[in-house]
Amino acid sequence: MDVQRVILIAALALVSYLMVLQWNEDYGPAQQPQQQQTATVSAYGDSNSQPVSELPLASDANQDADVPVSGQEAVATPVDSNKLISVRTDVLELLIDPKGGDVIHAALPEHESALSSGQSFVLLEQNANRTYVAQSGLVGQDGPDANSEGRPVYTSAQSEYTLEGDSLTVDLNLNTETGVQITKRFIFQQGQYDVAVEYLVNNTGAEPFDAVLFGQIKRDGTADPSQQTSMGMQSYLGAVFSTAENNYQKVDFGDMDEERFKATSPDGWVAMVQHYFLSAWIPAPGAEYTYQSRKINGQYLVGFLSPSFTVAPGQEQTVSATFYAGPKDVDQLEQIAPNLELTIDYGWLWWIASPLYMLLKWIHSVVGNWGLAIIGITILVKAALFHLNAKAFKSMAKMRKFAPEMTRLKELYGDDRQKMSQEMMKLYQKEKINPLGGCLPILVQMPVFIALYWVLMESVELRHAPFFGYIQDLSQMDPYFILPILMGATMFIQQMLNPTPPDPMQAKMMKMLPIIFTFFFLWFPAGLVLYWLVNNMLSIAQQWVINKQIESGEAKD
C-alpha cells in the first residue's frame, strides 16, 4: 500500500509539473519581446507647425514665476529618416532631429533588447507606440527656441557620424536674423554613455543676446520595457531630482498628475529612471538652476532651467550641460555627477547593499560568471553570519531533542496551564533552552537578506548574464522551474530538521510553506532563486551538523 501511495504521489507531482509548464507557456509572464522597428517621428512635426507648448518659457533672470505654457502642442508626424542626423559610437546609437537638435532615439548596442535577439536595446524613441526623448535649447528673451514660429532648424555638415577614435564632435549650426551665430555641439567619448552638449553663442549683431539654457526629458506613461519580471518587488519608474536640499528625491508619474515639482538649487541634476537604465540631464556646475516637472497633453516633462546669460555684441560665450542615456553603471555614474549613482536604488538598506554589490562585483572579477558570483557571495554572507545562525540552530535542535518531554508535560498538565508553564520553564532552565533563541538571530540577519535581494534586482550586470546549461539569463525566470522546485525541496528538508510546532494548526501551516514559497518563486529571476537555493543548502548542512552534536551531547552553548 505504501509503494502504491508513493507511485501515485510521484505521478501526481509529474502531472502537476507538466501542467505548470503549459500554464506558463499559455498565460505566464511573457518574455520581453524584441522591440519593433517602428517609423521614427519628429518630436515637433514639420517646420511649419505651430509653436510647441511643451517648451519652458523664461521671462526673467531669477526664474521666480511658474513656467507658463501656451498654444497647442504640435502633432508628431512621420518624417523622412534621411533628414535625421545619425550618430554611432561603440556604446550609443542616436538619432538627432535637426529641428531643435533634440535626441529622439537612443539605442544601446552593448545591451540587447532581448536575449540573443541581435537588436540593441532602445532607451529613447519617438514613434507611434512610445514617446521618450531628450530636449534642450535656448529660451528667454532672445532664445531661438522661444521664437513664435517654433523650434529652430539646425544644419550639419553631414547626416551620419561614426566614432573612429577616442572622441567625436557633432556640430549643428544656426544663424539667426539678428546676426547671432549658434553652434549646438555634441561631444561623444569612446566607451562613455554621457554626452557633453554645448551651446557656442557668437554675437556678431548689434544688440545684446539674452537667453536661458534648458534641458528636459519628455516621456509618456507607458510601462517600463526593461522590467523583465512581474513577480516580487518592482524597480522604480519615474523622475528623480537631486538638489542641495535633497540629494535624491523621487517624483513619480502619480505625483506629477497631482502637482508640479519646482525647486531652485546650485548644481544638481534631473533623471528619468527605470529598471536597469536611466536618462539624465546634468547642468554645468557653478550656477543656480531651476528644476521642475510638468504634465502636458498626457506627456510627462522633467528638466532644468539655467540662469539668464547675456552675450554682448562682438562677444562669444559657451553654456553647457551633460546628457546621460545608458545603464545603471555605478562606475560611470559616480564620475559624472555627485549622487547620480543613487539612481541604483537599493532602498533604505543601501548602506548594507552597497558593500554587498562591491563584494559581488569583486567575486565576479575572480570567477568570471555571475551565477558563480552569486553562489560565492551567498557563501561569504553565510560565513559572516555563521555564529549567529549557529545559536539559532542550537536552540531549535534542543527544542527538537526535548520535544517528546515537552509533549509529555503538555499531556500531563494539559488542564492546568499554570502548572504546565512552570514545568516547561524548569525544563528550559535545566537544559538551557531559549524558546526565542531561534527567532532573534533570524530577525537580525533579515536586513542582510533583503539588501542582497535588492542588489541582485538592481544589478544591470545580471541582465542577460548566463549561468550554466539551460539558464542563459539570470535576470529571467527559470524556464523549466528546476531551481524553484529544488528551493522548495530544500525548505521541506529544513522543516524536517526543525522541531514540530506544538500547535497543530501552526504545524499544518508550516508544512504548507514550502509549497507556497515554491509557487511564489516560480516566476522570480533565476539569480534570486539561485541565491535562496544555495542559502537553504548551507543552512541544511549547518543545522544537520548541530542537530547531531546536540543529540550526541557534544555541542557547547
Protein backbone atom coordinates (compact mmCIF):
# COMPACT_ATOMS: atom_id res chain seq x y z
CA MET A 1 0.00 0.00 0.00
CA ASP A 2 2.85 2.40 0.83
CA VAL A 3 4.52 1.67 -2.53
CA GLN A 4 1.29 2.42 -4.37
CA ARG A 5 0.92 5.69 -2.50
CA VAL A 6 4.47 6.74 -3.39
CA ILE A 7 3.83 5.93 -7.06
CA LEU A 8 0.57 7.92 -7.05
CA ILE A 9 2.20 10.92 -5.38
CA ALA A 10 5.10 10.83 -7.86
CA ALA A 11 2.69 10.62 -10.81
CA LEU A 12 0.62 13.48 -9.41
CA ALA A 13 3.75 15.61 -8.96
CA LEU A 14 4.84 14.90 -12.54
CA VAL A 15 1.43 15.78 -13.96
CA SER A 16 1.32 18.96 -11.86
CA TYR A 17 4.77 19.96 -13.09
CA LEU A 18 3.76 19.48 -16.73
CA MET A 19 0.55 21.46 -16.16
CA VAL A 20 2.50 24.37 -14.65
CA LEU A 21 4.87 24.35 -17.65
CA GLN A 22 1.94 24.51 -20.05
CA TRP A 23 0.15 27.17 -17.99
CA ASN A 24 3.26 29.32 -18.02
CA GLU A 25 3.57 28.96 -21.78
CA ASP A 26 -0.06 30.00 -22.31
CA TYR A 27 -0.67 32.55 -19.56
CA GLY A 28 2.56 33.16 -17.67
CA PRO A 29 4.65 36.34 -17.76
CA ALA A 30 5.78 36.85 -21.33
CA GLN A 31 9.44 37.20 -22.17
CA GLN A 32 10.48 40.71 -23.07
CA PRO A 33 9.55 40.99 -26.77
CA GLN A 34 12.00 42.19 -29.31
CA GLN A 35 11.47 45.88 -29.84
CA GLN A 36 9.70 46.59 -33.08
CA GLN A 37 11.33 48.74 -35.70
CA THR A 38 8.74 51.49 -35.88
CA ALA A 39 8.98 54.56 -38.03
CA THR A 40 10.73 57.34 -36.13
CA VAL A 41 8.75 60.54 -35.97
CA SER A 42 9.79 64.09 -35.27
CA ALA A 43 9.04 65.34 -31.83
CA TYR A 44 7.63 68.53 -33.28
CA GLY A 45 6.24 67.89 -36.73
CA ASP A 46 7.37 69.79 -39.80
CA SER A 47 8.96 73.24 -39.87
CA ASN A 48 5.61 74.94 -40.49
CA SER A 49 3.93 73.61 -37.36
CA GLN A 50 2.58 75.83 -34.62
CA PRO A 51 4.62 76.82 -31.54
CA VAL A 52 5.25 73.89 -29.23
CA SER A 53 3.56 74.43 -25.89
CA GLU A 54 5.75 71.92 -24.06
CA LEU A 55 8.82 74.20 -24.05
CA PRO A 56 9.56 76.21 -20.92
CA LEU A 57 9.35 79.99 -21.11
CA ALA A 58 11.77 82.06 -19.03
CA SER A 59 10.77 85.70 -18.89
CA ASP A 60 13.17 86.84 -16.18
CA ALA A 61 16.64 86.02 -14.94
CA ASN A 62 15.51 84.99 -11.45
CA GLN A 63 13.10 82.30 -12.71
CA ASP A 64 10.68 83.22 -9.94
CA ALA A 65 7.46 82.63 -11.85
CA ASP A 66 5.90 79.30 -12.65
CA VAL A 67 6.78 78.07 -16.09
CA PRO A 68 3.82 79.08 -18.30
CA VAL A 69 2.68 77.22 -21.40
CA SER A 70 0.51 78.49 -24.24
CA GLY A 71 -0.78 77.39 -27.60
CA GLN A 72 -1.37 73.88 -28.86
CA GLU A 73 1.25 71.17 -28.96
CA ALA A 74 2.27 70.20 -32.47
CA VAL A 75 1.18 66.74 -33.54
CA ALA A 76 4.05 64.36 -34.23
CA THR A 77 4.14 63.39 -37.89
CA PRO A 78 6.38 60.92 -39.74
CA VAL A 79 9.50 62.43 -41.23
CA ASP A 80 11.99 61.30 -43.79
CA SER A 81 14.70 59.40 -41.89
CA ASN A 82 17.26 60.97 -44.24
CA LYS A 83 16.60 64.32 -42.55
CA LEU A 84 17.61 62.96 -39.16
CA ILE A 85 21.23 63.03 -38.04
CA SER A 86 22.64 59.60 -37.16
CA VAL A 87 25.45 59.26 -34.62
CA ARG A 88 27.13 55.95 -33.81
CA THR A 89 29.69 55.23 -31.10
CA ASP A 90 30.77 51.95 -29.59
CA VAL A 91 28.03 52.21 -26.92
CA LEU A 92 25.42 54.62 -28.36
CA GLU A 93 23.30 54.82 -31.50
CA LEU A 94 21.49 58.17 -31.63
CA LEU A 95 19.14 59.98 -33.94
CA ILE A 96 19.09 63.78 -33.63
CA ASP A 97 16.23 65.83 -35.03
CA PRO A 98 17.62 68.93 -36.83
CA LYS A 99 14.52 70.75 -35.68
CA GLY A 100 15.53 71.75 -32.17
CA GLY A 101 18.54 69.46 -32.15
CA ASP A 102 16.82 67.01 -29.80
CA VAL A 103 17.77 63.36 -29.27
CA ILE A 104 14.70 61.41 -30.37
CA HIS A 105 16.24 57.93 -30.48
CA ALA A 106 18.91 56.27 -28.35
CA ALA A 107 19.84 52.60 -28.68
CA LEU A 108 22.47 50.78 -26.63
CA PRO A 109 24.37 48.22 -28.76
CA GLU A 110 26.09 46.76 -25.68
CA HIS A 111 22.67 45.72 -24.34
CA GLU A 112 20.30 43.55 -26.38
CA SER A 113 16.56 44.20 -26.40
CA ALA A 114 16.03 40.51 -25.70
CA LEU A 115 18.40 37.62 -25.16
CA SER A 116 20.06 36.57 -28.45
CA SER A 117 17.80 38.95 -30.40
CA GLY A 118 20.69 40.69 -32.13
CA GLN A 119 18.85 44.01 -31.65
CA SER A 120 20.10 46.86 -29.49
CA PHE A 121 18.01 47.87 -26.51
CA VAL A 122 16.16 51.10 -27.33
CA LEU A 123 16.04 53.52 -24.43
CA LEU A 124 14.79 56.70 -26.14
CA GLU A 125 12.35 56.70 -29.02
CA GLN A 126 9.67 58.80 -30.66
CA ASN A 127 7.13 56.81 -32.66
CA ALA A 128 3.50 55.79 -32.77
CA ASN A 129 3.93 53.42 -29.80
CA ARG A 130 6.07 55.37 -27.39
CA THR A 131 7.45 58.81 -26.61
CA TYR A 132 10.67 59.18 -24.66
CA VAL A 133 13.03 61.91 -25.88
CA ALA A 134 15.69 64.33 -24.60
CA GLN A 135 15.19 68.00 -25.45
CA SER A 136 17.39 71.03 -24.97
CA GLY A 137 17.62 74.57 -26.28
CA LEU A 138 17.80 78.29 -25.58
CA VAL A 139 14.70 80.13 -24.41
CA GLY A 140 14.30 83.51 -22.77
CA GLN A 141 14.23 86.96 -24.38
CA ASP A 142 16.31 86.16 -27.48
CA GLY A 143 16.50 82.36 -27.34
CA PRO A 144 15.73 80.80 -30.74
CA ASP A 145 13.59 78.09 -29.08
CA ALA A 146 11.28 80.81 -27.75
CA ASN A 147 10.55 82.03 -31.28
CA SER A 148 6.85 82.22 -32.04
CA GLU A 149 7.47 80.38 -35.32
CA GLY A 150 8.53 77.21 -33.49
CA ARG A 151 11.77 75.34 -32.92
CA PRO A 152 14.83 76.44 -34.92
CA VAL A 153 16.10 74.16 -37.68
CA TYR A 154 19.82 73.47 -37.46
CA THR A 155 22.13 72.42 -40.26
CA SER A 156 25.04 69.99 -40.08
CA ALA A 157 27.97 69.17 -42.32
CA GLN A 158 26.78 65.59 -42.77
CA SER A 159 23.85 63.36 -41.85
CA GLU A 160 25.85 60.43 -40.47
CA TYR A 161 28.65 60.42 -37.91
CA THR A 162 30.66 57.46 -36.58
CA LEU A 163 33.14 57.46 -33.74
CA GLU A 164 36.50 56.27 -35.07
CA GLY A 165 38.89 57.43 -32.36
CA ASP A 166 38.67 58.43 -28.72
CA SER A 167 36.15 61.24 -29.27
CA LEU A 168 33.63 62.56 -31.77
CA THR A 169 32.25 66.10 -32.16
CA VAL A 170 28.97 66.76 -33.94
CA ASP A 171 28.14 70.41 -34.66
CA LEU A 172 24.68 71.75 -35.52
CA ASN A 173 24.73 75.31 -36.82
CA LEU A 174 22.17 78.12 -36.75
CA ASN A 175 22.35 81.73 -37.96
CA THR A 176 19.67 83.99 -36.53
CA GLU A 177 18.17 87.05 -38.22
CA THR A 178 19.80 89.29 -35.60
CA GLY A 179 23.30 88.22 -36.59
CA VAL A 180 23.89 85.71 -33.78
CA GLN A 181 25.66 82.51 -34.75
CA ILE A 182 24.79 79.49 -32.58
CA THR A 183 26.51 76.13 -32.65
CA LYS A 184 24.89 73.28 -30.78
CA ARG A 185 27.75 70.85 -30.18
CA PHE A 186 27.56 67.22 -29.07
CA ILE A 187 30.80 65.65 -27.81
CA PHE A 188 30.99 61.86 -27.54
CA GLN A 189 33.74 59.82 -25.85
CA GLN A 190 34.66 56.21 -26.51
CA GLY A 191 33.03 53.82 -24.05
CA GLN A 192 31.01 56.63 -22.41
CA TYR A 193 27.25 56.97 -22.22
CA ASP A 194 27.41 60.63 -21.18
CA VAL A 195 27.34 63.27 -23.93
CA ALA A 196 28.52 66.86 -23.50
CA VAL A 197 26.01 69.30 -25.02
CA GLU A 198 27.40 72.81 -25.57
CA TYR A 199 25.86 75.98 -27.00
CA LEU A 200 28.52 78.24 -28.53
CA VAL A 201 26.98 81.69 -28.97
CA ASN A 202 28.85 84.19 -31.18
CA ASN A 203 27.10 87.56 -31.20
CA THR A 204 28.07 89.30 -34.44
CA GLY A 205 24.98 91.51 -34.26
CA ALA A 206 24.47 94.98 -32.85
CA GLU A 207 22.30 94.11 -29.84
CA PRO A 208 22.98 92.08 -26.69
CA PHE A 209 21.77 88.47 -26.79
CA ASP A 210 19.84 87.32 -23.69
CA ALA A 211 18.84 83.65 -23.27
CA VAL A 212 18.29 80.79 -20.84
CA LEU A 213 19.53 77.23 -21.35
CA PHE A 214 17.03 74.46 -20.73
CA GLY A 215 17.25 70.67 -20.80
CA GLN A 216 14.32 68.37 -20.30
CA ILE A 217 13.22 64.77 -20.71
CA LYS A 218 9.81 64.04 -22.17
CA ARG A 219 8.17 60.67 -21.60
CA ASP A 220 4.70 59.24 -21.81
CA GLY A 221 3.19 57.00 -19.14
CA THR A 222 3.85 53.66 -20.84
CA ALA A 223 5.16 50.73 -18.84
CA ASP A 224 8.84 50.07 -18.22
CA PRO A 225 10.09 47.94 -21.16
CA SER A 226 13.14 46.80 -19.19
CA GLN A 227 11.11 45.43 -16.25
CA GLN A 228 11.51 41.74 -17.07
CA THR A 229 9.67 40.14 -14.17
CA SER A 230 6.16 40.73 -12.86
CA MET A 231 6.73 38.95 -9.54
CA GLY A 232 8.35 40.27 -6.40
CA MET A 233 9.41 43.83 -5.73
CA GLN A 234 9.35 46.17 -8.72
CA SER A 235 12.02 48.70 -9.63
CA TYR A 236 11.11 52.38 -9.51
CA LEU A 237 9.77 54.03 -12.69
CA GLY A 238 9.66 57.83 -12.71
CA ALA A 239 11.66 61.00 -12.24
CA VAL A 240 14.37 61.76 -9.71
CA PHE A 241 15.69 65.22 -8.77
CA SER A 242 18.93 65.93 -6.94
CA THR A 243 19.28 69.33 -5.29
CA ALA A 244 21.26 70.85 -2.45
CA GLU A 245 18.26 70.41 -0.14
CA ASN A 246 17.52 66.80 -1.13
CA ASN A 247 20.15 64.83 -3.00
CA TYR A 248 17.69 62.14 -4.12
CA GLN A 249 14.00 62.99 -4.43
CA LYS A 250 11.59 60.75 -6.32
CA VAL A 251 8.73 62.34 -8.25
CA ASP A 252 6.75 59.60 -9.94
CA PHE A 253 4.06 59.95 -12.58
CA GLY A 254 1.31 59.95 -9.95
CA ASP A 255 2.99 62.89 -8.19
CA MET A 256 3.18 64.79 -11.49
CA ASP A 257 -0.50 64.09 -12.10
CA GLU A 258 -1.34 65.91 -8.87
CA GLU A 259 1.02 68.88 -8.93
CA ARG A 260 4.17 70.35 -10.45
CA PHE A 261 7.51 69.93 -8.80
CA LYS A 262 9.72 73.01 -8.64
CA ALA A 263 12.98 73.68 -6.80
CA THR A 264 15.92 76.05 -7.13
CA SER A 265 19.37 74.76 -6.29
CA PRO A 266 23.04 75.25 -7.04
CA ASP A 267 24.17 72.45 -9.35
CA GLY A 268 22.14 69.19 -9.09
CA TRP A 269 20.59 67.03 -11.81
CA VAL A 270 17.32 65.53 -13.06
CA ALA A 271 16.80 61.95 -14.29
CA MET A 272 14.15 59.60 -15.62
CA VAL A 273 14.72 56.18 -14.08
CA GLN A 274 13.56 52.68 -14.96
CA HIS A 275 14.75 49.13 -14.31
CA TYR A 276 18.45 48.81 -15.24
CA PHE A 277 18.57 52.07 -17.30
CA LEU A 278 18.16 55.83 -16.98
CA SER A 279 18.46 59.13 -18.79
CA ALA A 280 19.61 62.31 -17.05
CA TRP A 281 20.43 65.98 -17.57
CA ILE A 282 23.32 67.32 -15.51
CA PRO A 283 23.83 71.08 -15.97
CA ALA A 284 27.34 72.54 -15.70
CA PRO A 285 28.38 73.12 -12.06
CA GLY A 286 28.73 76.57 -10.56
CA ALA A 287 25.30 78.12 -11.10
CA GLU A 288 21.81 78.29 -9.61
CA TYR A 289 19.30 76.19 -11.56
CA THR A 290 15.54 75.80 -11.52
CA TYR A 291 14.31 72.20 -11.59
CA GLN A 292 10.73 71.38 -12.49
CA SER A 293 8.23 68.79 -13.61
CA ARG A 294 5.14 69.29 -15.74
CA LYS A 295 2.43 67.25 -17.42
CA ILE A 296 1.13 68.44 -20.78
CA ASN A 297 -1.29 66.57 -23.03
CA GLY A 298 -0.53 63.26 -21.34
CA GLN A 299 3.25 63.73 -21.58
CA TYR A 300 5.49 63.99 -18.52
CA LEU A 301 8.31 66.56 -18.71
CA VAL A 302 11.12 66.97 -16.21
CA GLY A 303 14.06 69.29 -16.65
CA PHE A 304 16.13 72.29 -15.62
CA LEU A 305 16.47 75.99 -16.49
CA SER A 306 19.75 77.87 -16.16
CA PRO A 307 20.14 81.47 -15.01
CA SER A 308 19.78 84.03 -17.76
CA PHE A 309 23.03 84.90 -19.54
CA THR A 310 23.91 87.83 -21.80
CA VAL A 311 26.33 87.91 -24.73
CA ALA A 312 27.35 91.43 -25.68
CA PRO A 313 27.83 92.42 -29.35
CA GLY A 314 31.16 91.16 -30.64
CA GLN A 315 31.49 88.66 -27.78
CA GLU A 316 31.27 84.84 -27.53
CA GLN A 317 30.02 82.64 -24.71
CA THR A 318 29.50 78.93 -24.14
CA VAL A 319 26.84 77.32 -21.93
CA SER A 320 26.69 73.60 -21.45
CA ALA A 321 25.16 70.55 -19.81
CA THR A 322 25.73 66.81 -19.85
CA PHE A 323 23.19 64.26 -21.03
CA TYR A 324 23.37 60.62 -19.97
CA ALA A 325 21.49 57.75 -21.61
CA GLY A 326 22.57 54.29 -20.59
CA PRO A 327 22.66 51.56 -17.97
CA LYS A 328 22.87 51.99 -14.22
CA ASP A 329 26.64 51.58 -14.26
CA VAL A 330 27.88 52.67 -10.84
CA ASP A 331 31.43 53.40 -12.04
CA GLN A 332 30.33 55.84 -14.76
CA LEU A 333 27.55 57.41 -12.70
CA GLU A 334 29.92 58.24 -9.84
CA GLN A 335 32.24 60.06 -12.24
CA ILE A 336 29.53 62.10 -13.98
CA ALA A 337 27.84 63.85 -11.05
CA PRO A 338 27.61 63.66 -7.25
CA ASN A 339 24.84 61.35 -6.06
CA LEU A 340 23.94 60.17 -9.58
CA GLU A 341 24.85 56.62 -8.53
CA LEU A 342 21.88 56.77 -6.11
CA THR A 343 19.64 56.05 -9.11
CA ILE A 344 20.75 52.47 -8.49
CA ASP A 345 18.09 52.29 -5.81
CA TYR A 346 18.79 49.79 -3.03
CA GLY A 347 16.10 51.29 -0.83
CA TRP A 348 16.60 52.18 2.83
CA LEU A 349 19.13 49.35 3.24
CA TRP A 350 21.56 50.93 0.78
CA TRP A 351 24.24 51.10 3.48
CA ILE A 352 24.27 47.29 3.56
CA ALA A 353 23.53 46.74 -0.14
CA SER A 354 26.33 48.95 -1.48
CA PRO A 355 29.19 46.96 0.07
CA LEU A 356 27.42 43.72 -0.88
CA TYR A 357 27.36 44.89 -4.51
CA MET A 358 31.06 45.74 -4.44
CA LEU A 359 31.75 42.29 -3.00
CA LEU A 360 29.60 40.62 -5.68
CA LYS A 361 31.45 42.54 -8.38
CA TRP A 362 34.83 41.56 -6.95
CA ILE A 363 33.89 37.88 -6.82
CA HIS A 364 32.79 38.06 -10.45
CA SER A 365 36.16 39.53 -11.42
CA VAL A 366 37.73 36.38 -9.97
CA VAL A 367 35.34 33.63 -11.14
CA GLY A 368 34.09 35.22 -14.38
CA ASN A 369 30.48 34.02 -14.04
CA TRP A 370 27.69 35.94 -12.36
CA GLY A 371 25.94 32.75 -11.24
CA LEU A 372 29.12 31.58 -9.51
CA ALA A 373 29.48 35.09 -8.08
CA ILE A 374 26.00 34.78 -6.53
CA ILE A 375 26.98 31.43 -5.03
CA GLY A 376 30.22 32.95 -3.76
CA ILE A 377 28.58 35.93 -2.07
CA THR A 378 25.97 33.63 -0.52
CA ILE A 379 28.74 31.52 0.99
CA LEU A 380 30.58 34.60 2.30
CA VAL A 381 27.43 36.10 3.82
CA LYS A 382 26.60 32.76 5.37
CA ALA A 383 30.11 32.54 6.80
CA ALA A 384 29.86 36.05 8.26
CA LEU A 385 26.62 35.07 9.99
CA PHE A 386 27.83 31.59 10.93
CA HIS A 387 27.89 32.06 14.71
CA LEU A 388 24.59 33.93 14.70
CA ASN A 389 22.96 31.11 12.74
CA ALA A 390 24.63 28.53 14.98
CA LYS A 391 22.87 29.97 18.05
CA ALA A 392 19.53 29.76 16.30
CA PHE A 393 20.12 26.22 15.09
CA LYS A 394 21.31 25.06 18.53
CA SER A 395 18.16 26.42 20.11
CA MET A 396 15.98 24.67 17.53
CA ALA A 397 18.00 21.45 17.86
CA LYS A 398 17.42 21.40 21.63
CA MET A 399 13.74 22.06 21.11
CA ARG A 400 13.69 19.12 18.71
CA LYS A 401 15.61 16.83 21.08
CA PHE A 402 13.33 17.52 24.03
CA ALA A 403 10.11 17.66 22.01
CA PRO A 404 8.93 14.28 23.44
CA GLU A 405 9.42 15.55 27.00
CA MET A 406 7.53 18.75 26.17
CA THR A 407 4.71 16.67 24.71
CA ARG A 408 4.62 14.54 27.87
CA LEU A 409 4.36 17.64 30.07
CA LYS A 410 1.59 19.01 27.88
CA GLU A 411 -0.37 15.77 28.19
CA LEU A 412 0.31 15.55 31.92
CA TYR A 413 -0.64 19.11 32.81
CA GLY A 414 -2.84 19.97 29.83
CA ASP A 415 -5.74 21.03 32.02
CA ASP A 416 -3.58 23.15 34.31
CA ARG A 417 -1.90 25.78 32.12
CA GLN A 418 -0.14 27.49 35.00
CA LYS A 419 1.42 24.24 36.21
CA MET A 420 2.37 23.27 32.68
CA SER A 421 4.09 26.65 32.18
CA GLN A 422 6.02 26.22 35.41
CA GLU A 423 7.22 22.74 34.43
CA MET A 424 8.17 23.97 30.96
CA MET A 425 10.24 26.78 32.48
CA LYS A 426 12.01 24.29 34.72
CA LEU A 427 12.85 22.17 31.68
CA TYR A 428 14.11 25.24 29.77
CA GLN A 429 16.33 26.26 32.70
CA LYS A 430 17.66 22.76 33.29
CA GLU A 431 18.55 22.09 29.65
CA LYS A 432 19.46 25.73 28.87
CA ILE A 433 16.81 26.05 26.18
CA ASN A 434 15.83 29.50 24.94
CA PRO A 435 12.44 29.20 23.18
CA LEU A 436 13.09 32.53 21.42
CA GLY A 437 16.68 31.68 20.54
CA GLY A 438 15.75 30.57 17.06
CA CYS A 439 13.83 33.76 16.26
CA LEU A 440 16.05 36.65 17.28
CA PRO A 441 19.12 35.73 15.16
CA ILE A 442 16.91 35.22 12.13
CA LEU A 443 15.36 38.66 12.61
CA VAL A 444 18.81 40.23 12.95
CA GLN A 445 20.03 38.80 9.64
CA MET A 446 16.87 39.61 7.66
CA PRO A 447 18.16 43.11 6.67
CA VAL A 448 21.18 41.43 5.06
CA PHE A 449 18.94 39.08 3.06
CA ILE A 450 16.68 41.92 1.90
CA ALA A 451 19.66 44.11 0.95
CA LEU A 452 21.18 41.27 -1.08
CA TYR A 453 17.81 40.76 -2.77
CA TRP A 454 17.88 44.37 -3.96
CA VAL A 455 21.49 44.07 -5.09
CA LEU A 456 20.54 41.17 -7.34
CA MET A 457 17.43 43.02 -8.56
CA GLU A 458 19.21 46.29 -9.39
CA SER A 459 22.47 44.99 -10.90
CA VAL A 460 22.33 45.58 -14.66
CA GLU A 461 25.28 43.19 -14.96
CA LEU A 462 22.89 40.29 -14.32
CA ARG A 463 20.70 41.25 -17.28
CA HIS A 464 21.18 38.53 -19.94
CA ALA A 465 24.03 37.05 -17.86
CA PRO A 466 24.28 33.26 -18.35
CA PHE A 467 24.88 30.67 -15.65
CA PHE A 468 25.28 27.11 -16.90
CA GLY A 469 23.24 24.78 -19.08
CA TYR A 470 19.78 25.95 -19.99
CA ILE A 471 19.91 29.04 -17.73
CA GLN A 472 21.15 31.73 -20.10
CA ASP A 473 19.69 34.77 -18.35
CA LEU A 474 19.92 35.13 -14.57
CA SER A 475 17.56 38.12 -14.66
CA GLN A 476 14.75 35.96 -16.10
CA MET A 477 12.72 33.16 -14.53
CA ASP A 478 13.90 29.56 -14.78
CA PRO A 479 12.01 28.36 -17.91
CA TYR A 480 11.72 24.81 -16.56
CA PHE A 481 11.22 25.73 -12.87
CA ILE A 482 14.07 23.45 -11.78
CA LEU A 483 15.60 25.98 -9.37
CA PRO A 484 12.28 26.89 -7.66
CA ILE A 485 11.42 23.21 -7.21
CA LEU A 486 14.84 22.49 -5.71
CA MET A 487 14.43 25.54 -3.50
CA GLY A 488 11.08 24.22 -2.27
CA ALA A 489 12.60 20.79 -1.64
CA THR A 490 15.35 22.32 0.48
CA MET A 491 12.74 24.21 2.50
CA PHE A 492 10.96 20.91 3.16
CA ILE A 493 14.22 19.29 4.30
CA GLN A 494 14.85 22.25 6.62
CA GLN A 495 11.44 21.71 8.19
CA MET A 496 12.27 18.08 8.84
CA LEU A 497 15.34 19.20 10.79
CA ASN A 498 13.33 21.69 12.86
CA PRO A 499 11.11 20.87 15.85
CA THR A 500 7.43 20.42 15.07
CA PRO A 501 5.36 23.36 16.41
CA PRO A 502 3.20 22.30 19.39
CA ASP A 503 0.13 23.96 17.90
CA PRO A 504 -1.47 21.58 15.33
CA MET A 505 -2.77 24.45 13.21
CA GLN A 506 0.66 26.10 13.19
CA ALA A 507 2.23 22.76 12.26
CA LYS A 508 -0.08 22.43 9.25
CA MET A 509 0.72 25.97 8.15
CA MET A 510 4.45 25.28 8.37
CA LYS A 511 4.03 22.22 6.18
CA MET A 512 2.35 24.38 3.54
CA LEU A 513 5.15 26.96 3.44
CA PRO A 514 7.46 25.04 1.05
CA ILE A 515 4.59 24.69 -1.43
CA ILE A 516 3.61 28.35 -1.09
CA PHE A 517 7.19 29.58 -1.47
CA THR A 518 7.82 27.28 -4.43
CA PHE A 519 4.81 28.68 -6.26
CA PHE A 520 5.80 32.23 -5.30
CA PHE A 521 9.34 31.75 -6.64
CA LEU A 522 8.31 30.15 -9.94
CA TRP A 523 8.49 33.48 -11.77
CA PHE A 524 11.30 35.07 -9.80
CA PRO A 525 14.56 35.82 -11.67
CA ALA A 526 16.80 32.75 -11.71
CA GLY A 527 19.61 34.66 -9.98
CA LEU A 528 17.44 35.36 -6.95
CA VAL A 529 16.18 31.77 -6.75
CA LEU A 530 19.77 30.54 -7.04
CA TYR A 531 20.69 32.67 -4.04
CA TRP A 532 17.85 31.25 -1.90
CA LEU A 533 18.61 27.69 -3.01
CA VAL A 534 22.30 27.93 -2.05
CA ASN A 535 21.41 29.67 1.21
CA ASN A 536 18.98 26.86 2.11
CA MET A 537 21.55 24.17 1.26
CA LEU A 538 24.15 25.80 3.50
CA SER A 539 21.58 26.15 6.30
CA ILE A 540 20.67 22.46 5.99
CA ALA A 541 24.31 21.42 6.27
CA GLN A 542 24.93 23.61 9.32
CA GLN A 543 21.70 22.60 11.02
CA TRP A 544 22.27 18.88 10.40
CA VAL A 545 25.73 19.04 11.99
CA ILE A 546 24.41 20.95 15.01
CA ASN A 547 21.48 18.54 15.42
CA LYS A 548 23.89 15.60 15.50
CA GLN A 549 26.07 17.38 18.06
CA ILE A 550 23.08 18.15 20.30
CA GLU A 551 21.76 14.61 20.08
CA SER A 552 25.16 13.17 20.98
CA GLY A 553 25.72 15.77 23.70
CA GLU A 554 28.84 17.19 22.03
CA ALA A 555 27.56 20.71 21.36
CA LYS A 556 28.62 23.51 23.68
CA ASP A 557 26.50 26.56 24.46
